Protein backbone atom coordinates (compact mmCIF):
# COMPACT_ATOMS: atom_id res chain seq x y z
CA MET A 1 0.00 0.00 0.00
CA THR A 2 1.24 3.53 -0.68
CA THR A 3 -0.01 6.85 0.65
CA THR A 4 1.41 10.33 0.58
CA ASN A 5 3.51 11.60 3.45
CA ARG A 6 1.27 14.65 3.65
CA ASP A 7 -1.38 12.31 5.05
CA LEU A 8 0.84 11.63 8.10
CA PRO A 9 2.17 14.99 9.31
CA SER A 10 3.08 13.83 12.82
CA VAL A 11 5.16 10.79 11.82
CA THR A 12 8.81 10.87 12.92
CA TRP A 13 11.12 9.41 10.27
CA VAL A 14 14.48 7.78 11.07
CA LYS A 15 17.26 6.96 8.60
CA SER A 16 17.96 3.28 8.22
CA SER A 17 21.32 2.08 9.46
CA TYR A 18 21.73 0.53 6.00
CA SER A 19 21.62 3.91 4.24
CA ASN A 20 25.01 5.03 3.02
CA GLY A 21 26.58 7.97 4.85
CA GLU A 22 27.00 10.05 1.72
CA GLY A 23 23.32 10.91 1.36
CA ALA A 24 22.79 8.97 -1.86
CA GLU A 25 20.96 5.78 -0.91
CA CYS A 26 18.84 6.80 2.05
CA VAL A 27 15.87 4.84 3.28
CA GLU A 28 13.83 6.10 6.22
CA TRP A 29 11.25 4.38 8.37
CA ALA A 30 8.88 5.39 11.17
CA PRO A 31 9.56 3.16 14.22
CA GLU A 32 7.16 4.99 16.58
CA HIS A 33 4.31 4.57 14.10
CA ALA A 34 5.19 0.87 13.74
CA ALA A 35 5.12 0.37 17.51
CA LEU A 36 1.72 2.07 17.81
CA THR A 37 -0.05 0.59 14.78
CA GLY A 38 1.86 -2.46 13.58
CA GLU A 39 2.28 -0.76 10.17
CA VAL A 40 5.88 -0.18 9.10
CA LEU A 41 6.22 2.96 6.98
CA VAL A 42 9.22 3.19 4.62
CA ARG A 43 10.21 6.07 2.32
CA ASP A 44 13.03 7.41 0.17
CA SER A 45 14.64 10.32 2.02
CA LYS A 46 15.51 12.06 -1.25
CA THR A 47 11.78 12.52 -1.95
CA PRO A 48 10.19 12.95 1.50
CA HIS A 49 6.89 14.34 0.18
CA ALA A 50 6.40 11.54 -2.32
CA ARG A 51 4.54 8.35 -1.56
CA HIS A 52 5.81 5.86 1.00
CA LEU A 53 5.33 2.13 1.49
CA THR A 54 3.20 0.69 4.26
CA LEU A 55 4.44 -2.79 5.15
CA THR A 56 3.50 -5.49 7.60
CA SER A 57 6.17 -6.36 10.14
CA GLU A 58 6.79 -9.60 8.24
CA SER A 59 7.27 -7.74 4.95
CA PHE A 60 9.60 -5.26 6.64
CA ALA A 61 11.66 -8.13 8.07
CA GLY A 62 11.97 -9.50 4.53
CA LEU A 63 13.11 -6.11 3.26
CA VAL A 64 15.76 -5.91 5.99
CA SER A 65 16.95 -9.44 5.16
CA LEU A 66 17.24 -8.47 1.50
CA ALA A 67 19.23 -5.33 2.41
CA LYS A 68 21.59 -7.39 4.58
CA ALA A 69 22.12 -9.94 1.83
CA HIS A 70 22.83 -7.34 -0.86
CA GLY A 71 24.22 -4.46 1.20
């Protein structure tokens, strides 16, 4: 599912530890929102007002596993 970030003005976004430090490949997620709702929000930090992904915790775990395997 995707929605715009304008729909969630109070969400706090955190850069993934797998983002590179040079600002090029930055993925952000919203851990507080995940803890409250069970929905894991993920977005590209280069386009913060664009759409984001809404994942289940299982899908997010799969995404993290993929990043670890190819990072």
